[in-house]
Amino acid sequence: MYEGDADEIIDTYDYLKLKELEEKSRYIVAIKTAIGHEKDVANNLGGRAKRKKAEIYSLLSPHRLRGYLLVEFGLNYQQIEDMLNDPQHHDQVLEELEDPSLIANDDSVVGRVIRDRLSSLLKGLKHARSVVSGITYMSEIEHFLSPPPAVSGIEVGDIIEIINGPFKGEKARVSKKDEGKEEITVELFEAMVSIPVTIKGESVRVIEKETK
């Protein structure tokens, strides 16, 4: 049994608890940017975060998400300790750190600290606009982390143009789609005999949608 000073035991417990909270306190936050300059802001913010040793762990600039940049941002040990040492907000802060969904509230103390810290990093950064309130969950952005199937957006009945391969330049109508193989089967308009041709979705572009 440990026979050290009681205060030392409490301090050790607090330290371990704070380190546990620090590990959990990583949040995905959206930043508004000028449209078309999302990657510029990501590069500049990454460089600034490295110089200032800020707790930015990753930056995501999906090409389909215009005008926004996603930042994985964390709170460090000292910031968490400072918030918890405020007797007025201690219980609220601890509750928010244990349940991140509460950070979306307008009166969130943790949310305010996150916005203030990121806003400070963005200050004077060209094409950066503002920090969006609240946090974003992985389930909301995971579709940005993997490219959509090559046949996404192509439907049976669409008219396409083949953009590479032996039939390059030919126009055809889609008769079948296989998302698993990322292939479509088409019927060429100019063929003497209507023979189905199977090609990769990345080899075509849609020029006319099927009218329903």
Protein backbone atom coordinates (compact mmCIF):
# COMPACT_ATOMS: atom_id res chain seq x y z
CA MET A 1 0.00 0.00 0.00
CA TYR A 2 1.27 3.47 -0.92
CA GLU A 3 2.12 5.51 2.20
CA GLY A 4 3.07 8.84 0.60
CA ASP A 5 1.59 12.22 1.29
CA ALA A 6 -2.21 12.43 0.65
CA ASP A 7 -1.83 15.66 -1.36
CA GLU A 8 0.65 13.90 -3.63
CA ILE A 9 -1.87 11.13 -4.30
CA ILE A 10 -4.53 13.70 -5.19
CA ASP A 11 -2.11 15.62 -7.42
CA THR A 12 -1.14 12.40 -9.19
CA TYR A 13 -4.80 11.51 -9.72
CA ASP A 14 -5.54 14.99 -11.06
CA TYR A 15 -2.58 14.80 -13.41
CA LEU A 16 -3.67 11.45 -14.79
CA LYS A 17 -7.26 12.67 -15.17
CA LEU A 18 -6.11 15.80 -16.97
CA LYS A 19 -3.91 13.78 -19.32
CA GLU A 20 -6.88 11.52 -20.05
CA LEU A 21 -9.04 14.56 -20.84
CA GLU A 22 -6.28 16.00 -23.01
CA GLU A 23 -6.17 12.81 -25.08
CA LYS A 24 -9.93 12.92 -25.58
CA SER A 25 -10.08 16.63 -26.33
CA ARG A 26 -9.60 16.50 -30.08
CA TYR A 27 -12.35 18.07 -32.14
CA ILE A 28 -13.10 18.59 -35.82
CA VAL A 29 -13.89 22.25 -36.41
CA ALA A 30 -14.91 23.98 -39.65
CA ILE A 31 -13.29 27.23 -40.78
CA LYS A 32 -14.81 29.51 -43.40
CA THR A 33 -12.47 30.54 -46.20
CA ALA A 34 -12.64 32.45 -49.46
CA ILE A 35 -13.98 30.11 -52.15
CA GLY A 36 -11.16 28.72 -54.25
CA HIS A 37 -8.53 29.37 -51.59
CA GLU A 38 -9.26 26.49 -49.21
CA LYS A 39 -5.90 24.78 -49.82
CA ASP A 40 -4.01 28.09 -49.52
CA VAL A 41 -5.51 28.60 -46.07
CA ALA A 42 -4.73 24.99 -45.13
CA ASN A 43 -1.08 25.36 -46.13
CA ASN A 44 -0.64 28.71 -44.38
CA LEU A 45 -2.48 27.60 -41.25
CA GLY A 46 -0.43 24.41 -41.09
CA GLY A 47 2.80 26.40 -41.27
CA ARG A 48 1.66 28.84 -38.61
CA ALA A 49 0.48 26.05 -36.30
CA LYS A 50 3.86 24.34 -36.60
CA ARG A 51 5.76 27.54 -35.76
CA LYS A 52 3.52 28.29 -32.78
CA LYS A 53 3.32 24.63 -31.71
CA ALA A 54 -0.47 24.82 -31.72
CA GLU A 55 -2.53 21.67 -31.20
CA ILE A 56 -3.58 21.17 -34.83
CA TYR A 57 -3.29 17.50 -35.72
CA SER A 58 -4.66 17.44 -39.26
CA LEU A 59 -6.21 19.63 -41.95
CA LEU A 60 -8.71 18.48 -44.55
CA SER A 61 -9.67 20.44 -47.65
CA PRO A 62 -12.07 18.25 -49.70
CA HIS A 63 -12.46 19.51 -53.27
CA ARG A 64 -16.25 19.06 -52.96
CA LEU A 65 -16.44 21.31 -49.89
CA ARG A 66 -16.10 24.84 -51.23
CA GLY A 67 -15.48 27.73 -48.89
CA TYR A 68 -14.64 25.60 -45.86
CA LEU A 69 -11.62 23.91 -44.30
CA LEU A 70 -11.84 21.14 -41.69
CA VAL A 71 -9.38 21.24 -38.80
CA GLU A 72 -8.65 18.56 -36.21
CA PHE A 73 -7.87 20.72 -33.20
CA GLY A 74 -7.03 19.82 -29.62
CA LEU A 75 -6.85 21.42 -26.20
CA ASN A 76 -3.64 20.95 -24.26
CA TYR A 77 -3.13 20.02 -20.63
CA GLN A 78 -2.67 23.63 -19.48
CA GLN A 79 -5.79 24.95 -21.24
CA ILE A 80 -7.92 22.19 -19.72
CA GLU A 81 -6.46 22.80 -16.26
CA ASP A 82 -7.12 26.56 -16.55
CA MET A 83 -10.77 25.96 -17.44
CA LEU A 84 -11.28 23.47 -14.63
CA ASN A 85 -9.65 25.82 -12.13
CA ASP A 86 -12.40 28.36 -12.74
CA PRO A 87 -14.88 27.52 -9.93
CA GLN A 88 -17.71 29.25 -11.78
CA HIS A 89 -17.45 26.92 -14.77
CA HIS A 90 -15.70 23.84 -13.37
CA ASP A 91 -18.70 21.50 -13.46
CA GLN A 92 -19.87 22.75 -16.87
CA VAL A 93 -16.39 22.35 -18.39
CA LEU A 94 -16.00 18.84 -17.01
CA GLU A 95 -19.42 17.88 -18.37
CA GLU A 96 -18.57 19.29 -21.81
CA LEU A 97 -15.22 17.51 -21.92
CA GLU A 98 -16.96 14.22 -21.12
CA ASP A 99 -19.81 14.86 -23.58
CA PRO A 100 -18.58 16.75 -26.69
CA SER A 101 -22.14 17.12 -28.04
CA LEU A 102 -22.59 19.90 -25.45
CA ILE A 103 -19.92 21.98 -27.19
CA ALA A 104 -22.46 22.83 -29.88
CA ASN A 105 -24.38 24.97 -27.35
CA ASP A 106 -23.97 28.73 -27.72
CA ASP A 107 -22.95 29.10 -24.08
CA SER A 108 -20.35 26.33 -24.17
CA VAL A 109 -17.18 27.29 -22.30
CA VAL A 110 -15.05 24.72 -24.15
CA GLY A 111 -16.55 25.84 -27.46
CA ARG A 112 -15.60 29.44 -26.72
CA VAL A 113 -12.02 28.47 -25.90
CA ILE A 114 -11.74 26.47 -29.13
CA ARG A 115 -13.08 29.38 -31.20
CA ASP A 116 -10.80 31.88 -29.46
CA ARG A 117 -7.71 29.71 -29.94
CA LEU A 118 -8.41 29.04 -33.61
CA SER A 119 -9.45 32.65 -34.28
CA SER A 120 -6.12 33.76 -32.84
CA LEU A 121 -4.29 31.44 -35.24
CA LEU A 122 -6.35 32.72 -38.18
CA LYS A 123 -5.75 36.40 -37.39
CA GLY A 124 -4.20 38.10 -40.41
CA LEU A 125 -4.15 34.87 -42.43
CA LYS A 126 -4.98 35.66 -46.05
CA HIS A 127 -8.28 34.25 -47.35
CA ALA A 128 -9.26 32.90 -43.89
CA ARG A 129 -12.67 34.13 -42.72
CA SER A 130 -13.94 32.77 -39.40
CA VAL A 131 -14.37 29.75 -37.16
CA VAL A 132 -17.75 28.02 -37.35
CA SER A 133 -19.43 27.49 -33.97
CA GLY A 134 -19.69 23.96 -32.62
CA ILE A 135 -17.85 20.86 -33.78
CA THR A 136 -18.21 18.39 -36.62
CA TYR A 137 -18.41 14.63 -36.16
CA MET A 138 -16.48 12.03 -38.14
CA SER A 139 -19.75 10.50 -39.35
CA GLU A 140 -20.57 13.81 -41.04
CA ILE A 141 -17.33 14.02 -43.02
CA GLU A 142 -16.26 10.42 -43.65
CA HIS A 143 -17.72 10.58 -47.17
CA PHE A 144 -15.01 13.16 -47.93
CA LEU A 145 -12.27 10.74 -46.90
CA SER A 146 -12.78 8.31 -49.79
CA PRO A 147 -13.54 9.17 -53.41
CA PRO A 148 -17.03 8.39 -54.74
CA PRO A 149 -17.40 5.48 -57.17
CA ALA A 150 -16.43 6.36 -60.74
CA VAL A 151 -20.02 5.62 -61.81
CA SER A 152 -21.50 7.99 -59.23
CA GLY A 153 -23.94 10.34 -60.96
CA ILE A 154 -24.35 8.07 -63.99
CA GLU A 155 -27.77 6.46 -64.40
CA VAL A 156 -29.33 4.00 -66.82
CA GLY A 157 -30.71 5.95 -69.80
CA ASP A 158 -28.12 8.75 -69.62
CA ILE A 159 -26.33 9.72 -72.80
CA ILE A 160 -22.57 9.75 -72.39
CA GLU A 161 -19.47 10.52 -74.41
CA ILE A 162 -16.50 8.16 -74.19
CA ILE A 163 -13.40 10.22 -73.39
CA ASN A 164 -10.62 7.62 -73.69
CA GLY A 165 -9.95 4.13 -75.02
CA PRO A 166 -10.68 2.63 -78.46
CA PHE A 167 -14.16 4.22 -78.63
CA LYS A 168 -12.98 7.70 -77.68
CA GLY A 169 -15.32 10.40 -79.03
CA GLU A 170 -18.26 8.01 -79.50
CA LYS A 171 -21.63 8.79 -77.94
CA ALA A 172 -23.78 6.10 -76.33
CA ARG A 173 -26.71 5.42 -74.05
CA VAL A 174 -26.20 3.71 -70.69
CA SER A 175 -28.06 0.42 -70.45
CA LYS A 176 -26.58 -0.98 -67.22
CA LYS A 177 -24.51 0.18 -64.23
CA ASP A 178 -22.31 -1.92 -61.93
CA GLU A 179 -21.21 0.15 -58.92
CA GLY A 180 -19.18 -2.69 -57.45
CA LYS A 181 -16.94 -2.93 -60.52
CA GLU A 182 -17.32 0.81 -61.29
CA GLU A 183 -18.36 -0.09 -64.83
CA ILE A 184 -21.24 0.77 -67.14
CA THR A 185 -22.63 -1.03 -70.16
CA VAL A 186 -23.55 1.21 -73.09
CA GLU A 187 -25.01 0.96 -76.59
CA LEU A 188 -23.08 2.98 -79.16
CA PHE A 189 -25.19 5.27 -81.36
CA GLU A 190 -23.00 4.95 -84.46
CA ALA A 191 -22.50 1.19 -84.35
CA MET A 192 -23.81 -0.75 -87.36
CA VAL A 193 -25.05 -3.44 -85.01
CA SER A 194 -26.24 -2.65 -81.47
CA ILE A 195 -23.71 -4.53 -79.35
CA PRO A 196 -23.43 -3.77 -75.61
CA VAL A 197 -20.00 -2.43 -74.66
CA THR A 198 -18.77 -2.44 -71.06
CA ILE A 199 -16.39 0.34 -70.04
CA LYS A 200 -15.06 1.93 -66.86
CA GLY A 201 -17.06 4.81 -65.41
CA GLU A 202 -13.96 7.01 -65.38
CA SER A 203 -13.76 6.72 -69.18
CA VAL A 204 -16.99 8.63 -69.86
CA ARG A 205 -18.68 11.93 -69.20
CA VAL A 206 -22.43 12.48 -69.05
CA ILE A 207 -23.68 14.86 -71.71
CA GLU A 208 -27.43 14.38 -71.26
CA LYS A 209 -29.43 13.03 -68.34
CA GLU A 210 -32.28 10.59 -68.79
CA THR A 211 -35.60 12.42 -68.79
CA LYS A 212 -38.11 10.73 -66.53
